[in-house]
Amino acid sequence: DIPAARKLCGHISALVGCHRCYKIANISRRKLNYGGFDDMTEWFVQKDLNEHRRNTERWRLCKSKYERKKHVSETHVRWSELLRLPYFNPIRFLVVDPMHNLFLGIAHWIVKRLWIDGGKITKTHLKLMEKRAKKIQVPVDLGRIPSKIATGEGFSGYTADQ
């Protein structure tokens, strides 16, 4: 699962919602909130591999549990034995878990904000997609295909298994 994969690569996942960028969660109603993607072009900066390696090495050299805890709270990384491999890139080699992305609504956000609002997919395209989706015969052991693609803002009621 994704928390174990992040830990294996030296990332922490308590506050950091993404292992590829510097986005961290804020607290909203006593819960972690990873929202705020509306202004993504303003805050998205890909993590720097050299900085990540330096910070993990600094964690490894910490002398006490307290020092390591403080270091993690400041840098959001800890040492991983995989970093001994010179070719290993813990930012690029860690796969984004598709189920978590769909479950968290990132796929829907991409379709809506980038493709529909960006003019890449029109209402005509949505109607054509819906028409074609209705013709697909899905095996009984698979989830259902979204049937209301052209309804509302597009892909209304889109769920994780679709």
N, C-alpha and C. Protein backbone atom coordinates (compact mmCIF):
# COMPACT_ATOMS: atom_id res chain seq x y z
N ASP A 1 0.83 -1.19 0.00
CA ASP A 1 0.00 0.00 0.00
C ASP A 1 0.87 1.25 0.00
N ILE A 2 0.26 2.38 -0.23
CA ILE A 2 1.01 3.62 -0.41
C ILE A 2 1.76 4.08 0.84
N PRO A 3 1.20 3.99 2.06
CA PRO A 3 1.99 4.41 3.22
C PRO A 3 3.27 3.57 3.39
N ALA A 4 3.17 2.28 3.15
CA ALA A 4 4.36 1.42 3.26
C ALA A 4 5.38 1.75 2.19
N ALA A 5 4.93 2.01 0.97
CA ALA A 5 5.84 2.36 -0.12
C ALA A 5 6.55 3.68 0.18
N ARG A 6 5.82 4.65 0.72
CA ARG A 6 6.43 5.93 1.09
C ARG A 6 7.49 5.74 2.17
N LYS A 7 7.16 4.95 3.16
CA LYS A 7 8.11 4.70 4.25
C LYS A 7 9.36 4.03 3.71
N LEU A 8 9.19 3.08 2.81
CA LEU A 8 10.31 2.38 2.21
C LEU A 8 11.25 3.32 1.46
N CYS A 9 10.69 4.40 0.90
CA CYS A 9 11.48 5.35 0.12
C CYS A 9 11.98 6.54 0.93
N GLY A 10 11.68 6.58 2.23
CA GLY A 10 12.18 7.65 3.08
C GLY A 10 11.23 8.82 3.26
N HIS A 11 10.03 8.70 2.73
CA HIS A 11 9.04 9.78 2.88
C HIS A 11 8.21 9.51 4.14
N ILE A 12 7.66 10.57 4.71
CA ILE A 12 6.67 10.39 5.77
C ILE A 12 5.32 10.68 5.15
N SER A 13 4.26 10.17 5.75
CA SER A 13 2.95 10.40 5.13
C SER A 13 1.92 10.99 6.07
N ALA A 14 2.32 11.39 7.25
CA ALA A 14 1.36 11.96 8.19
C ALA A 14 0.83 13.30 7.70
N LEU A 15 1.68 14.22 7.36
CA LEU A 15 1.26 15.55 6.89
C LEU A 15 1.44 15.74 5.40
N VAL A 16 2.34 14.98 4.81
CA VAL A 16 2.70 15.18 3.42
C VAL A 16 1.79 14.32 2.55
N GLY A 17 0.96 14.98 1.76
CA GLY A 17 0.01 14.26 0.93
C GLY A 17 0.61 13.71 -0.34
N CYS A 18 1.75 14.21 -0.75
CA CYS A 18 2.35 13.80 -2.02
C CYS A 18 3.85 13.64 -1.86
N HIS A 19 4.39 12.58 -2.43
CA HIS A 19 5.83 12.36 -2.36
C HIS A 19 6.56 13.03 -3.52
N ARG A 20 5.83 13.65 -4.44
CA ARG A 20 6.45 14.30 -5.60
C ARG A 20 6.53 15.82 -5.48
N CYS A 21 5.74 16.41 -4.59
CA CYS A 21 5.77 17.87 -4.45
C CYS A 21 5.84 18.24 -2.97
N TYR A 22 5.89 19.54 -2.69
CA TYR A 22 6.04 20.02 -1.32
C TYR A 22 4.72 20.32 -0.62
N LYS A 23 3.60 19.93 -1.22
CA LYS A 23 2.28 20.19 -0.63
C LYS A 23 2.15 19.44 0.69
N ILE A 24 1.74 20.15 1.74
CA ILE A 24 1.47 19.50 3.02
C ILE A 24 0.03 19.81 3.43
N ALA A 25 -0.49 18.99 4.30
CA ALA A 25 -1.88 19.16 4.75
C ALA A 25 -1.98 20.27 5.77
N ASN A 26 -3.16 20.88 5.83
CA ASN A 26 -3.46 21.78 6.94
C ASN A 26 -4.51 21.10 7.80
N ILE A 27 -4.78 21.65 8.94
CA ILE A 27 -5.76 21.06 9.85
C ILE A 27 -7.08 21.80 9.69
N SER A 28 -8.14 21.05 9.41
CA SER A 28 -9.47 21.61 9.26
C SER A 28 -10.43 20.76 10.07
N ARG A 29 -11.06 21.35 11.07
CA ARG A 29 -11.98 20.64 11.96
C ARG A 29 -11.33 19.40 12.57
N ARG A 30 -10.12 19.59 13.05
CA ARG A 30 -9.33 18.54 13.72
C ARG A 30 -8.97 17.37 12.81
N LYS A 31 -9.05 17.56 11.50
CA LYS A 31 -8.67 16.52 10.55
C LYS A 31 -7.68 17.10 9.56
N LEU A 32 -6.82 16.22 9.02
CA LEU A 32 -5.89 16.66 7.99
C LEU A 32 -6.67 16.95 6.72
N ASN A 33 -6.36 18.08 6.09
CA ASN A 33 -7.03 18.49 4.87
C ASN A 33 -5.97 18.62 3.78
N TYR A 34 -6.07 17.79 2.76
CA TYR A 34 -5.12 17.82 1.64
C TYR A 34 -5.68 18.60 0.46
N GLY A 35 -6.77 19.33 0.65
CA GLY A 35 -7.40 20.08 -0.42
C GLY A 35 -6.57 21.28 -0.86
N GLY A 36 -7.19 22.13 -1.64
CA GLY A 36 -6.52 23.34 -2.09
C GLY A 36 -5.81 23.18 -3.41
N PHE A 37 -6.42 22.44 -4.32
CA PHE A 37 -5.79 22.23 -5.62
C PHE A 37 -6.19 23.30 -6.63
N ASP A 38 -7.05 24.23 -6.23
CA ASP A 38 -7.51 25.26 -7.17
C ASP A 38 -6.38 26.11 -7.72
N ASP A 39 -5.39 26.39 -6.88
CA ASP A 39 -4.28 27.25 -7.29
C ASP A 39 -3.00 26.44 -7.49
N MET A 40 -3.14 25.23 -8.00
CA MET A 40 -2.01 24.30 -8.13
C MET A 40 -0.84 24.89 -8.91
N THR A 41 -1.12 25.67 -9.92
CA THR A 41 -0.03 26.24 -10.72
C THR A 41 0.83 27.20 -9.91
N GLU A 42 0.28 27.74 -8.83
CA GLU A 42 1.04 28.67 -7.99
C GLU A 42 1.93 27.96 -6.97
N TRP A 43 1.50 26.82 -6.44
CA TRP A 43 2.27 26.18 -5.37
C TRP A 43 3.01 24.92 -5.78
N PHE A 44 2.68 24.32 -6.93
CA PHE A 44 3.31 23.04 -7.28
C PHE A 44 4.78 23.24 -7.65
N VAL A 45 5.64 22.61 -6.88
CA VAL A 45 7.08 22.57 -7.16
C VAL A 45 7.51 21.13 -6.92
N GLN A 46 8.09 20.51 -7.94
CA GLN A 46 8.53 19.12 -7.79
C GLN A 46 9.66 19.04 -6.78
N LYS A 47 9.63 18.00 -5.95
CA LYS A 47 10.69 17.82 -4.96
C LYS A 47 12.03 17.63 -5.65
N ASP A 48 13.06 18.13 -4.99
CA ASP A 48 14.42 18.05 -5.51
C ASP A 48 15.10 16.79 -4.98
N LEU A 49 15.58 15.95 -5.87
CA LEU A 49 16.21 14.68 -5.49
C LEU A 49 17.45 14.91 -4.61
N ASN A 50 18.29 15.85 -4.98
CA ASN A 50 19.52 16.11 -4.21
C ASN A 50 19.19 16.59 -2.80
N GLU A 51 18.19 17.46 -2.69
CA GLU A 51 17.77 17.94 -1.37
C GLU A 51 17.22 16.77 -0.53
N HIS A 52 16.43 15.92 -1.17
CA HIS A 52 15.87 14.76 -0.48
C HIS A 52 16.99 13.86 0.05
N ARG A 53 17.97 13.58 -0.79
CA ARG A 53 19.10 12.73 -0.38
C ARG A 53 19.90 13.37 0.76
N ARG A 54 20.15 14.68 0.65
CA ARG A 54 20.88 15.38 1.72
C ARG A 54 20.12 15.29 3.05
N ASN A 55 18.81 15.53 2.98
CA ASN A 55 18.00 15.50 4.20
C ASN A 55 17.91 14.10 4.81
N THR A 56 17.82 13.08 3.97
CA THR A 56 17.77 11.72 4.52
C THR A 56 19.11 11.34 5.14
N GLU A 57 20.19 11.78 4.53
CA GLU A 57 21.52 11.51 5.09
C GLU A 57 21.68 12.22 6.44
N ARG A 58 21.17 13.45 6.53
CA ARG A 58 21.23 14.18 7.81
C ARG A 58 20.42 13.44 8.88
N TRP A 59 19.27 12.86 8.50
CA TRP A 59 18.48 12.08 9.44
C TRP A 59 19.30 10.89 9.95
N ARG A 60 19.98 10.21 9.02
CA ARG A 60 20.77 9.03 9.38
C ARG A 60 21.88 9.37 10.36
N LEU A 61 22.40 10.60 10.27
CA LEU A 61 23.50 11.02 11.13
C LEU A 61 23.05 11.60 12.47
N CYS A 62 21.74 11.76 12.65
CA CYS A 62 21.23 12.25 13.94
C CYS A 62 21.63 11.27 15.05
N LYS A 63 21.95 11.82 16.21
CA LYS A 63 22.48 11.01 17.32
C LYS A 63 21.41 10.49 18.28
N SER A 64 20.24 11.11 18.30
CA SER A 64 19.22 10.70 19.27
C SER A 64 17.85 10.60 18.61
N LYS A 65 16.96 9.94 19.30
CA LYS A 65 15.58 9.81 18.84
C LYS A 65 14.93 11.20 18.73
N TYR A 66 15.22 12.06 19.71
CA TYR A 66 14.69 13.42 19.71
C TYR A 66 15.17 14.18 18.47
N GLU A 67 16.47 14.09 18.15
CA GLU A 67 17.02 14.77 16.97
C GLU A 67 16.33 14.28 15.70
N ARG A 68 16.13 12.98 15.60
CA ARG A 68 15.49 12.41 14.41
C ARG A 68 14.04 12.88 14.29
N LYS A 69 13.34 12.90 15.40
CA LYS A 69 11.95 13.35 15.39
C LYS A 69 11.87 14.81 14.95
N LYS A 70 12.76 15.63 15.47
CA LYS A 70 12.81 17.05 15.11
C LYS A 70 13.14 17.20 13.61
N HIS A 71 14.10 16.42 13.16
CA HIS A 71 14.51 16.47 11.75
C HIS A 71 13.34 16.10 10.83
N VAL A 72 12.60 15.05 11.18
CA VAL A 72 11.45 14.63 10.38
C VAL A 72 10.38 15.72 10.35
N SER A 73 10.14 16.38 11.47
CA SER A 73 9.11 17.43 11.50
C SER A 73 9.52 18.63 10.65
N GLU A 74 10.82 18.84 10.47
CA GLU A 74 11.30 19.97 9.66
C GLU A 74 11.42 19.62 8.17
N THR A 75 11.86 18.40 7.86
CA THR A 75 12.16 18.05 6.46
C THR A 75 11.18 17.07 5.83
N HIS A 76 10.39 16.39 6.66
CA HIS A 76 9.41 15.39 6.20
C HIS A 76 10.04 14.18 5.53
N VAL A 77 11.29 13.87 5.85
CA VAL A 77 11.95 12.67 5.31
C VAL A 77 12.76 11.98 6.40
N ARG A 78 13.04 10.71 6.17
CA ARG A 78 13.94 9.94 7.02
C ARG A 78 14.75 9.02 6.12
N TRP A 79 15.76 8.40 6.68
CA TRP A 79 16.67 7.55 5.92
C TRP A 79 15.98 6.28 5.42
N SER A 80 16.39 5.81 4.25
CA SER A 80 15.96 4.53 3.71
C SER A 80 17.19 3.82 3.17
N GLU A 81 17.30 2.54 3.42
CA GLU A 81 18.44 1.76 2.92
C GLU A 81 18.49 1.75 1.40
N LEU A 82 17.36 1.96 0.74
CA LEU A 82 17.35 2.02 -0.72
C LEU A 82 18.20 3.17 -1.25
N LEU A 83 18.40 4.18 -0.43
CA LEU A 83 19.19 5.34 -0.87
C LEU A 83 20.68 5.02 -1.00
N ARG A 84 21.10 3.86 -0.55
CA ARG A 84 22.48 3.42 -0.78
C ARG A 84 22.71 3.08 -2.25
N LEU A 85 21.62 2.81 -2.96
CA LEU A 85 21.72 2.53 -4.39
C LEU A 85 21.84 3.85 -5.13
N PRO A 86 22.95 4.11 -5.81
CA PRO A 86 23.17 5.43 -6.43
C PRO A 86 22.15 5.79 -7.50
N TYR A 87 21.57 4.80 -8.14
CA TYR A 87 20.60 5.06 -9.21
C TYR A 87 19.17 5.22 -8.69
N PHE A 88 18.93 4.93 -7.41
CA PHE A 88 17.57 4.95 -6.89
C PHE A 88 17.06 6.37 -6.71
N ASN A 89 15.89 6.65 -7.27
CA ASN A 89 15.26 7.96 -7.16
C ASN A 89 13.94 7.78 -6.40
N PRO A 90 13.91 8.11 -5.10
CA PRO A 90 12.71 7.88 -4.30
C PRO A 90 11.53 8.79 -4.65
N ILE A 91 11.76 9.77 -5.47
CA ILE A 91 10.67 10.66 -5.89
C ILE A 91 10.03 10.13 -7.17
N ARG A 92 10.83 9.73 -8.12
CA ARG A 92 10.30 9.25 -9.40
C ARG A 92 9.95 7.77 -9.40
N PHE A 93 10.62 6.96 -8.58
CA PHE A 93 10.42 5.51 -8.63
C PHE A 93 9.24 5.04 -7.78
N LEU A 94 8.69 5.89 -6.97
CA LEU A 94 7.54 5.51 -6.15
C LEU A 94 6.27 5.73 -6.97
N VAL A 95 5.54 4.67 -7.20
CA VAL A 95 4.35 4.71 -8.04
C VAL A 95 3.21 5.41 -7.30
N VAL A 96 2.49 6.25 -8.02
CA VAL A 96 1.29 6.88 -7.46
C VAL A 96 0.20 5.82 -7.48
N ASP A 97 -0.39 5.55 -6.35
CA ASP A 97 -1.40 4.51 -6.21
C ASP A 97 -2.70 4.96 -6.88
N PRO A 98 -3.10 4.30 -7.98
CA PRO A 98 -4.29 4.76 -8.70
C PRO A 98 -5.58 4.68 -7.88
N MET A 99 -5.72 3.69 -7.04
CA MET A 99 -6.95 3.58 -6.25
C MET A 99 -7.08 4.76 -5.29
N HIS A 100 -5.99 5.13 -4.64
CA HIS A 100 -6.05 6.28 -3.74
C HIS A 100 -6.34 7.56 -4.52
N ASN A 101 -5.74 7.69 -5.70
CA ASN A 101 -5.99 8.88 -6.51
C ASN A 101 -7.45 8.97 -6.90
N LEU A 102 -8.02 7.87 -7.34
CA LEU A 102 -9.43 7.89 -7.73
C LEU A 102 -10.31 8.12 -6.51
N PHE A 103 -9.98 7.43 -5.42
CA PHE A 103 -10.77 7.56 -4.21
C PHE A 103 -10.74 8.99 -3.69
N LEU A 104 -9.59 9.63 -3.78
CA LEU A 104 -9.46 11.00 -3.27
C LEU A 104 -10.02 12.05 -4.24
N GLY A 105 -10.46 11.61 -5.40
CA GLY A 105 -11.08 12.53 -6.34
C GLY A 105 -10.13 13.26 -7.26
N ILE A 106 -8.88 12.83 -7.29
CA ILE A 106 -7.91 13.53 -8.14
C ILE A 106 -8.22 13.30 -9.61
N ALA A 107 -8.62 12.08 -9.97
CA ALA A 107 -8.96 11.80 -11.37
C ALA A 107 -10.14 12.67 -11.81
N HIS A 108 -11.14 12.79 -10.95
CA HIS A 108 -12.30 13.63 -11.28
C HIS A 108 -11.87 15.09 -11.42
N TRP A 109 -10.98 15.54 -10.55
CA TRP A 109 -10.48 16.91 -10.62
C TRP A 109 -9.76 17.15 -11.94
N ILE A 110 -8.95 16.19 -12.38
CA ILE A 110 -8.22 16.33 -13.65
C ILE A 110 -9.20 16.43 -14.81
N VAL A 111 -10.19 15.53 -14.83
CA VAL A 111 -11.18 15.55 -15.91
C VAL A 111 -11.92 16.87 -15.92
N LYS A 112 -12.41 17.29 -14.75
CA LYS A 112 -13.22 18.51 -14.67
C LYS A 112 -12.40 19.78 -14.91
N ARG A 113 -11.37 19.97 -14.09
CA ARG A 113 -10.63 21.24 -14.12
C ARG A 113 -9.72 21.39 -15.34
N LEU A 114 -9.03 20.33 -15.70
CA LEU A 114 -8.06 20.45 -16.79
C LEU A 114 -8.67 20.17 -18.16
N TRP A 115 -9.48 19.13 -18.26
CA TRP A 115 -9.98 18.75 -19.56
C TRP A 115 -11.28 19.46 -19.93
N ILE A 116 -12.26 19.48 -19.02
CA ILE A 116 -13.54 20.11 -19.35
C ILE A 116 -13.43 21.63 -19.27
N ASP A 117 -13.02 22.14 -18.10
CA ASP A 117 -12.89 23.60 -17.94
C ASP A 117 -11.82 24.17 -18.86
N GLY A 118 -10.82 23.37 -19.19
CA GLY A 118 -9.74 23.81 -20.08
C GLY A 118 -10.11 23.73 -21.55
N GLY A 119 -11.32 23.26 -21.85
CA GLY A 119 -11.78 23.22 -23.23
C GLY A 119 -11.27 22.05 -24.05
N LYS A 120 -10.63 21.09 -23.42
CA LYS A 120 -10.11 19.92 -24.14
C LYS A 120 -11.25 18.94 -24.45
N ILE A 121 -12.24 18.89 -23.56
CA ILE A 121 -13.42 18.04 -23.76
C ILE A 121 -14.65 18.95 -23.75
N THR A 122 -15.45 18.86 -24.81
CA THR A 122 -16.66 19.68 -24.91
C THR A 122 -17.88 18.87 -24.50
N LYS A 123 -19.03 19.53 -24.41
CA LYS A 123 -20.29 18.85 -24.10
C LYS A 123 -20.58 17.78 -25.16
N THR A 124 -20.24 18.08 -26.40
CA THR A 124 -20.44 17.11 -27.49
C THR A 124 -19.59 15.86 -27.25
N HIS A 125 -18.35 16.07 -26.84
CA HIS A 125 -17.47 14.94 -26.52
C HIS A 125 -18.06 14.10 -25.38
N LEU A 126 -18.56 14.78 -24.35
CA LEU A 126 -19.13 14.08 -23.20
C LEU A 126 -20.33 13.23 -23.62
N LYS A 127 -21.18 13.77 -24.49
CA LYS A 127 -22.34 13.02 -24.96
C LYS A 127 -21.91 11.80 -25.77
N LEU A 128 -20.89 11.97 -26.60
CA LEU A 128 -20.37 10.86 -27.39
C LEU A 128 -19.76 9.79 -26.47
N MET A 129 -19.02 10.21 -25.46
CA MET A 129 -18.43 9.26 -24.50
C MET A 129 -19.53 8.49 -23.77
N GLU A 130 -20.59 9.19 -23.38
CA GLU A 130 -21.70 8.55 -22.68
C GLU A 130 -22.39 7.53 -23.58
N LYS A 131 -22.60 7.90 -24.84
CA LYS A 131 -23.25 7.01 -25.81
C LYS A 131 -22.41 5.74 -25.99
N ARG A 132 -21.10 5.90 -26.13
CA ARG A 132 -20.22 4.74 -26.31
C ARG A 132 -20.13 3.89 -25.04
N ALA A 133 -20.12 4.53 -23.89
CA ALA A 133 -20.03 3.79 -22.62
C ALA A 133 -21.26 2.91 -22.42
N LYS A 134 -22.42 3.38 -22.86
CA LYS A 134 -23.65 2.60 -22.70
C LYS A 134 -23.64 1.33 -23.54
N LYS A 135 -22.82 1.30 -24.59
CA LYS A 135 -22.74 0.13 -25.47
C LYS A 135 -21.78 -0.94 -24.94
N ILE A 136 -20.97 -0.59 -23.97
CA ILE A 136 -19.98 -1.53 -23.44
C ILE A 136 -20.68 -2.54 -22.53
N GLN A 137 -20.38 -3.82 -22.76
CA GLN A 137 -20.92 -4.88 -21.91
C GLN A 137 -19.84 -5.27 -20.91
N VAL A 138 -20.09 -4.97 -19.67
CA VAL A 138 -19.12 -5.21 -18.61
C VAL A 138 -19.38 -6.58 -17.98
N PRO A 139 -18.33 -7.39 -17.77
CA PRO A 139 -18.52 -8.67 -17.07
C PRO A 139 -19.12 -8.43 -15.69
N VAL A 140 -19.87 -9.41 -15.20
CA VAL A 140 -20.60 -9.24 -13.94
C VAL A 140 -19.69 -9.04 -12.73
N ASP A 141 -18.44 -9.49 -12.81
CA ASP A 141 -17.55 -9.36 -11.66
C ASP A 141 -16.80 -8.03 -11.62
N LEU A 142 -17.09 -7.13 -12.53
CA LEU A 142 -16.46 -5.81 -12.54
C LEU A 142 -17.46 -4.74 -12.11
N GLY A 143 -16.94 -3.60 -11.67
CA GLY A 143 -17.80 -2.48 -11.29
C GLY A 143 -18.52 -1.90 -12.49
N ARG A 144 -19.44 -1.04 -12.22
CA ARG A 144 -20.21 -0.46 -13.33
C ARG A 144 -19.46 0.70 -13.98
N ILE A 145 -19.79 0.95 -15.23
CA ILE A 145 -19.21 2.05 -15.98
C ILE A 145 -20.08 3.28 -15.70
N PRO A 146 -19.49 4.47 -15.55
CA PRO A 146 -20.31 5.66 -15.32
C PRO A 146 -21.28 5.86 -16.48
N SER A 147 -22.55 5.98 -16.17
CA SER A 147 -23.56 6.10 -17.22
C SER A 147 -23.96 7.54 -17.50
N LYS A 148 -23.69 8.44 -16.60
CA LYS A 148 -24.12 9.83 -16.77
C LYS A 148 -22.91 10.73 -16.98
N ILE A 149 -22.19 10.48 -18.05
CA ILE A 149 -20.97 11.23 -18.34
C ILE A 149 -21.28 12.68 -18.71
N ALA A 150 -22.33 12.89 -19.49
CA ALA A 150 -22.65 14.23 -19.98
C ALA A 150 -23.57 15.01 -19.03
N THR A 151 -23.91 14.47 -17.88
CA THR A 151 -24.81 15.12 -16.94
C THR A 151 -24.07 16.15 -16.09
N GLY A 152 -24.72 17.25 -15.82
CA GLY A 152 -24.14 18.29 -14.95
C GLY A 152 -22.85 18.85 -15.52
N GLU A 153 -21.83 18.88 -14.67
CA GLU A 153 -20.53 19.42 -15.09
C GLU A 153 -19.68 18.38 -15.81
N GLY A 154 -20.19 17.17 -15.97
CA GLY A 154 -19.44 16.09 -16.60
C GLY A 154 -18.98 15.08 -15.57
N PHE A 155 -19.22 13.81 -15.85
CA PHE A 155 -18.87 12.71 -14.96
C PHE A 155 -19.49 12.87 -13.57
N SER A 156 -20.75 13.27 -13.52
CA SER A 156 -21.44 13.42 -12.24
C SER A 156 -21.55 12.07 -11.55
N GLY A 157 -21.33 12.04 -10.26
CA GLY A 157 -21.43 10.82 -9.49
C GLY A 157 -20.29 9.85 -9.72
N TYR A 158 -19.21 10.33 -10.28
CA TYR A 158 -18.03 9.52 -10.57
C TYR A 158 -17.47 8.95 -9.27
N THR A 159 -17.28 7.62 -9.20
CA THR A 159 -16.80 7.00 -7.97
C THR A 159 -15.45 6.32 -8.19
N ALA A 160 -14.85 5.85 -7.11
CA ALA A 160 -13.51 5.27 -7.16
C ALA A 160 -13.43 4.03 -8.04
N ASP A 161 -14.49 3.24 -8.12
CA ASP A 161 -14.42 2.02 -8.92
C ASP A 161 -14.76 2.23 -10.39
N GLN A 162 -14.93 3.47 -10.80
CA GLN A 162 -15.27 3.73 -12.19
C GLN A 162 -14.08 4.32 -12.92
